Amino acid sequence: MSSQVFSGFLSFQIEKFVTEYVSLSKNVFVNKEGKLIHPAEYGTYRERIVSSLILPLLPKRLSVGTGFIITDTDKISTQCDLIIYDTQNTPVIENGEQRFFPVECVAGVIEVKSVLSKNDLKEALIKLSNIKALRNEITSTIRVYSETKDSHPLSPATCPYDQMATFLICESLSFDLEKECDSFFKDVYKGIDPPLFHNMILSIEQLCSLYIKENVPIYFPFFSIKELHKNCLVFPVGGGYKYEHIVLFLDCFYMLIGSITINYIEFTNYISSKRLKRTCVEK
């Protein structure tokens, strides 16, 4: 009985999500000539829709915000549509309407898009890889949450749980990704290290893109850097549930996002040494 209740709840949430993301958003933000009006509000509206879908799947210690990711080495991301962060350990810094999240406590980032061309998708994935690279700037070695039980040093370059997760959700793709899947991703990630590859892509109207190992869909590009996983596209099965690819995406999202390592923030590292010298006077 309980599984039927949860399945019914999930199906309802998915149907609501698709209707709002694809249909209602266009009714509100697209005029009679088919031209987008108020693009900023349009993006914010869809970000709220995605937040409403994923929030029930997050552990209580995680939440969703929007803004920029910062490091104690003075690096800053481009603006992120949705940032999944640890609420118990994140000192969110606000400057007017802008919010800044220390990289140590960021579990994942989601880009929220409309209809994407091949070039649009490539640019969005490269943006996510650049954001992911900020994890390599972490200087703190103290974990406040870790899925792995061993005591290996933090290593986003070799341990997928130590790297933040990145996702892209769009309405649809304007090209046939299936026909050129491997060549497309090979081109996107040319010269980019595998730890910076995306985790999952969801095209609401078409497919879920992730990886595969021994015929099992998986949400990491690798477990061992010496053995990369192959790309995998999952489509709704004819005669089955039309949004089965969204169910898969949410299932994998749930298992993945709560597994990402969260590190303690050495907050003094975010304060300049010059300021410390001014305020700390030896007596």
Protein backbone atom coordinates (compact mmCIF):
# COMPACT_ATOMS: atom_id res chain seq x y z
CA MET A 1 0.00 0.00 0.00
CA SER A 2 2.75 2.45 0.96
CA SER A 3 4.53 2.00 -2.38
CA GLN A 4 1.28 2.73 -4.22
CA VAL A 5 0.81 5.89 -2.17
CA PHE A 6 4.34 7.09 -2.93
CA SER A 7 4.04 6.13 -6.58
CA GLY A 8 0.78 8.04 -6.85
CA PHE A 9 2.28 11.08 -5.14
CA LEU A 10 5.32 11.01 -7.43
CA SER A 11 3.18 10.65 -10.56
CA PHE A 12 1.04 13.59 -9.46
CA GLN A 13 4.12 15.73 -8.80
CA ILE A 14 5.61 14.86 -12.18
CA GLU A 15 2.39 15.61 -14.09
CA LYS A 16 2.11 18.93 -12.27
CA PHE A 17 5.77 19.73 -12.97
CA VAL A 18 5.50 18.99 -16.71
CA THR A 19 2.28 21.00 -17.07
CA GLU A 20 3.71 24.04 -15.30
CA TYR A 21 7.14 23.88 -16.94
CA VAL A 22 6.01 23.28 -20.51
CA SER A 23 2.47 24.67 -20.82
CA LEU A 24 1.62 27.18 -18.10
CA SER A 25 4.94 29.00 -18.31
CA LYS A 26 4.37 29.62 -22.01
CA ASN A 27 0.81 30.83 -21.42
CA VAL A 28 2.12 33.38 -18.93
CA PHE A 29 5.38 34.50 -20.55
CA VAL A 30 4.87 34.07 -24.31
CA ASN A 31 2.67 36.55 -26.22
CA LYS A 32 0.29 35.85 -29.10
CA GLU A 33 3.11 36.30 -31.61
CA GLY A 34 5.11 33.58 -29.89
CA LYS A 35 7.64 36.05 -28.50
CA LEU A 36 9.03 35.63 -25.00
CA ILE A 37 8.17 38.49 -22.64
CA HIS A 38 9.81 39.19 -19.29
CA PRO A 39 12.65 36.65 -19.83
CA ALA A 40 14.16 37.16 -16.35
CA GLU A 41 10.84 36.43 -14.63
CA TYR A 42 10.33 33.50 -17.02
CA GLY A 43 13.59 31.93 -15.88
CA THR A 44 12.83 32.56 -12.22
CA TYR A 45 9.39 31.00 -12.63
CA ARG A 46 10.85 27.79 -14.05
CA GLU A 47 13.52 27.67 -11.36
CA ARG A 48 10.76 27.74 -8.74
CA ILE A 49 8.99 24.89 -10.54
CA VAL A 50 12.14 22.75 -10.47
CA SER A 51 12.73 23.62 -6.80
CA SER A 52 9.22 22.48 -5.91
CA LEU A 53 9.85 19.15 -7.65
CA ILE A 54 13.17 18.31 -5.99
CA LEU A 55 12.70 19.74 -2.48
CA PRO A 56 10.69 16.72 -1.21
CA LEU A 57 13.58 14.48 -2.35
CA LEU A 58 16.29 16.30 -0.41
CA PRO A 59 17.55 15.25 3.02
CA LYS A 60 16.49 17.79 5.66
CA ARG A 61 20.07 19.07 5.91
CA LEU A 62 19.98 20.24 2.26
CA SER A 63 18.06 23.05 0.64
CA VAL A 64 17.92 24.99 -2.64
CA GLY A 65 19.02 28.54 -3.38
CA THR A 66 20.24 30.62 -6.28
CA GLY A 67 23.31 32.80 -6.67
CA PHE A 68 27.08 32.37 -6.91
CA ILE A 69 29.60 29.86 -5.57
CA ILE A 70 32.78 31.26 -4.03
CA THR A 71 36.09 29.80 -2.83
CA ASP A 72 38.61 30.94 -0.25
CA THR A 73 41.06 31.39 -3.13
CA ASP A 74 38.99 34.32 -4.43
CA LYS A 75 37.38 32.43 -7.31
CA ILE A 76 33.70 32.90 -8.09
CA SER A 77 31.31 31.07 -10.38
CA THR A 78 29.00 32.52 -12.94
CA GLN A 79 25.44 32.84 -11.64
CA CYS A 80 23.91 29.43 -10.94
CA ASP A 81 20.21 28.83 -11.53
CA LEU A 82 19.83 26.47 -8.56
CA ILE A 83 22.39 25.63 -5.87
CA ILE A 84 21.83 22.70 -3.53
CA TYR A 85 23.65 23.40 -0.28
CA ASP A 86 24.02 22.15 3.27
CA THR A 87 21.89 24.40 5.49
CA GLN A 88 23.51 23.27 8.72
CA ASN A 89 27.02 24.35 7.76
CA THR A 90 26.66 27.06 5.12
CA PRO A 91 27.10 30.71 6.09
CA VAL A 92 25.23 32.19 3.13
CA ILE A 93 26.61 35.63 2.32
CA GLU A 94 24.09 38.12 0.95
CA ASN A 95 24.81 41.42 -0.79
CA GLY A 96 21.50 43.01 -1.66
CA GLU A 97 19.75 40.54 -3.96
CA GLN A 98 22.86 38.45 -4.60
CA ARG A 99 23.69 35.35 -2.55
CA PHE A 100 27.10 33.69 -2.30
CA PHE A 101 27.65 30.07 -1.22
CA PRO A 102 31.05 28.74 -0.05
CA VAL A 103 32.03 25.81 -2.28
CA GLU A 104 32.74 23.52 0.68
CA CYS A 105 29.01 23.20 1.44
CA VAL A 106 27.62 22.99 -2.09
CA ALA A 107 26.31 19.52 -2.97
CA GLY A 108 25.09 20.27 -6.47
CA VAL A 109 24.11 22.76 -9.17
CA ILE A 110 21.18 22.64 -11.60
CA GLU A 111 20.96 24.63 -14.83
CA VAL A 112 17.35 25.28 -15.91
CA LYS A 113 16.77 25.81 -19.63
CA SER A 114 14.08 25.94 -22.33
CA VAL A 115 14.61 24.46 -25.81
CA LEU A 116 18.29 23.87 -26.46
CA SER A 117 20.16 23.67 -29.75
CA LYS A 118 23.32 21.59 -30.02
CA ASN A 119 25.49 24.65 -29.39
CA ASP A 120 23.29 25.83 -26.48
CA LEU A 121 23.64 22.45 -24.77
CA LYS A 122 27.39 22.44 -25.32
CA GLU A 123 27.76 25.90 -23.77
CA ALA A 124 25.60 24.95 -20.78
CA LEU A 125 27.62 21.79 -20.10
CA ILE A 126 30.93 23.64 -20.34
CA LYS A 127 29.57 26.21 -17.89
CA LEU A 128 28.70 23.40 -15.46
CA SER A 129 32.17 21.89 -15.84
CA ASN A 130 33.74 25.25 -14.95
CA ILE A 131 31.53 25.48 -11.87
CA LYS A 132 32.45 21.93 -10.89
CA ALA A 133 36.14 22.81 -11.11
CA LEU A 134 35.73 25.12 -8.11
CA ARG A 135 35.67 22.03 -5.90
CA ASN A 136 39.36 21.61 -6.64
CA GLU A 137 39.95 24.87 -4.74
CA ILE A 138 38.83 23.48 -1.37
CA THR A 139 41.61 23.81 1.22
CA SER A 140 39.78 22.41 4.24
CA THR A 141 40.40 18.73 4.95
CA ILE A 142 37.71 18.24 7.60
CA ARG A 143 34.49 16.56 6.46
CA VAL A 144 31.19 17.32 8.14
CA TYR A 145 29.39 14.75 5.97
CA SER A 146 30.84 11.93 3.90
CA GLU A 147 29.35 8.90 2.18
CA THR A 148 32.71 7.15 2.13
CA LYS A 149 33.83 5.53 5.36
CA ASP A 150 37.56 5.55 4.70
CA SER A 151 39.91 8.35 5.65
CA HIS A 152 41.34 9.20 2.24
CA PRO A 153 42.18 12.87 1.65
CA LEU A 154 39.48 14.90 -0.06
CA SER A 155 39.91 14.25 -3.77
CA PRO A 156 37.29 15.64 -6.21
CA ALA A 157 39.59 14.52 -9.03
CA THR A 158 39.43 10.82 -8.15
CA CYS A 159 36.48 10.23 -5.81
CA PRO A 160 33.09 11.06 -7.41
CA TYR A 161 31.44 11.53 -4.01
CA ASP A 162 33.95 14.30 -3.21
CA GLN A 163 32.91 16.23 -6.33
CA MET A 164 29.73 18.31 -6.48
CA ALA A 165 26.94 16.97 -8.69
CA THR A 166 25.78 18.89 -11.77
CA PHE A 167 22.47 18.59 -13.59
CA LEU A 168 20.81 20.20 -16.56
CA ILE A 169 17.02 20.31 -16.97
CA CYS A 170 15.48 21.61 -20.18
CA GLU A 171 12.14 21.49 -21.93
CA SER A 172 13.54 19.75 -25.01
CA LEU A 173 16.48 19.43 -27.39
CA SER A 174 16.10 20.77 -30.93
CA PHE A 175 18.46 18.14 -32.36
CA ASP A 176 18.61 14.33 -32.29
CA LEU A 177 21.10 13.57 -29.52
CA GLU A 178 20.64 9.82 -30.00
CA LYS A 179 22.19 9.92 -33.49
CA GLU A 180 25.41 11.53 -32.30
CA CYS A 181 25.52 10.87 -28.57
CA ASP A 182 29.12 9.71 -28.14
CA SER A 183 30.60 12.12 -30.69
CA PHE A 184 28.67 15.05 -29.21
CA PHE A 185 29.90 14.50 -25.66
CA LYS A 186 33.41 13.78 -26.91
CA ASP A 187 33.38 17.18 -28.61
CA VAL A 188 31.91 18.97 -25.57
CA TYR A 189 34.47 17.60 -23.16
CA LYS A 190 37.52 17.77 -25.38
CA GLY A 191 40.37 18.85 -23.11
CA ILE A 192 38.16 18.67 -19.98
CA ASP A 193 38.93 16.17 -17.22
CA PRO A 194 36.26 13.45 -16.62
CA PRO A 195 35.62 14.51 -12.97
CA LEU A 196 34.16 17.72 -14.43
CA PHE A 197 31.64 15.95 -16.68
CA HIS A 198 27.93 16.43 -15.92
CA ASN A 199 26.04 13.87 -13.86
CA MET A 200 22.64 13.92 -15.57
CA ILE A 201 20.63 15.75 -18.23
CA LEU A 202 16.84 15.74 -18.32
CA SER A 203 15.00 16.74 -21.46
CA ILE A 204 11.42 16.79 -20.16
CA GLU A 205 9.82 15.99 -23.49
CA GLN A 206 12.39 13.45 -24.68
CA LEU A 207 14.97 11.68 -22.52
CA CYS A 208 17.25 11.33 -19.55
CA SER A 209 20.98 11.29 -20.23
CA LEU A 210 23.33 9.66 -17.75
CA TYR A 211 25.88 6.82 -17.89
CA ILE A 212 25.90 3.04 -17.96
CA LYS A 213 27.99 0.29 -16.36
CA GLU A 214 27.28 -3.39 -16.99
CA ASN A 215 23.86 -2.51 -18.45
CA VAL A 216 22.88 -0.55 -15.33
CA PRO A 217 22.19 3.22 -15.60
CA ILE A 218 24.49 5.15 -13.30
CA TYR A 219 24.90 8.83 -12.42
CA PHE A 220 28.70 9.13 -12.24
CA PRO A 221 30.98 9.41 -15.29
CA PHE A 222 33.43 7.10 -13.47
CA PHE A 223 34.16 5.24 -10.24
CA SER A 224 37.79 4.73 -11.17
CA ILE A 225 39.45 7.40 -13.28
CA LYS A 226 41.00 4.57 -15.31
CA GLU A 227 37.56 3.26 -16.29
CA LEU A 228 35.14 5.82 -17.69
CA HIS A 229 31.46 4.93 -17.97
CA LYS A 230 29.74 5.09 -21.35
CA ASN A 231 27.01 7.61 -22.09
CA CYS A 232 23.45 6.31 -21.78
CA LEU A 233 20.18 7.79 -23.05
CA VAL A 234 16.91 6.59 -21.53
CA PHE A 235 13.63 7.16 -23.36
CA PRO A 236 10.03 6.46 -22.30
CA VAL A 237 9.12 2.90 -23.28
CA GLY A 238 6.27 2.59 -25.79
CA GLY A 239 3.12 1.45 -24.01
CA GLY A 240 4.64 2.29 -20.61
CA TYR A 241 4.49 5.37 -18.42
CA LYS A 242 5.20 8.37 -20.64
CA TYR A 243 7.38 10.06 -18.04
CA GLU A 244 9.45 7.05 -17.01
CA HIS A 245 12.62 8.98 -17.93
CA ILE A 246 11.67 11.65 -15.38
CA VAL A 247 11.09 8.96 -12.74
CA LEU A 248 14.59 7.62 -13.46
CA PHE A 249 16.07 11.11 -13.22
CA LEU A 250 14.42 11.75 -9.84
CA ASP A 251 15.36 8.33 -8.53
CA CYS A 252 19.02 8.84 -9.42
CA PHE A 253 18.93 12.45 -8.20
CA TYR A 254 17.66 11.28 -4.80
CA MET A 255 20.37 8.64 -4.45
CA LEU A 256 23.13 10.96 -5.65
CA ILE A 257 22.55 14.33 -4.02
CA GLY A 258 22.55 13.10 -0.44
CA SER A 259 25.84 11.27 -1.01
CA ILE A 260 28.04 14.27 -1.86
CA THR A 261 30.79 15.10 0.61
CA ILE A 262 30.31 18.31 2.60
CA ASN A 263 33.39 19.93 4.10
CA TYR A 264 33.95 22.13 7.10
CA ILE A 265 34.50 25.78 6.17
CA GLU A 266 37.73 27.34 7.35
CA PHE A 267 35.99 30.69 7.53
CA THR A 268 39.14 32.64 8.36
CA ASN A 269 40.51 31.59 4.95
CA TYR A 270 37.82 33.76 3.38
CA ILE A 271 39.16 36.77 5.26
CA SER A 272 42.20 38.49 3.77
CA SER A 273 45.51 38.15 5.57
CA LYS A 274 45.91 41.94 5.44
CA ARG A 275 42.70 42.40 7.38
CA LEU A 276 43.87 39.89 9.98
CA LYS A 277 47.15 41.77 10.36
CA ARG A 278 45.23 45.02 10.90
CA THR A 279 42.91 43.57 13.52
CA CYS A 280 45.28 41.23 15.37
CA VAL A 281 47.84 43.30 17.27
CA GLU A 282 50.55 41.50 19.18
CA LYS A 283 51.00 42.70 22.76
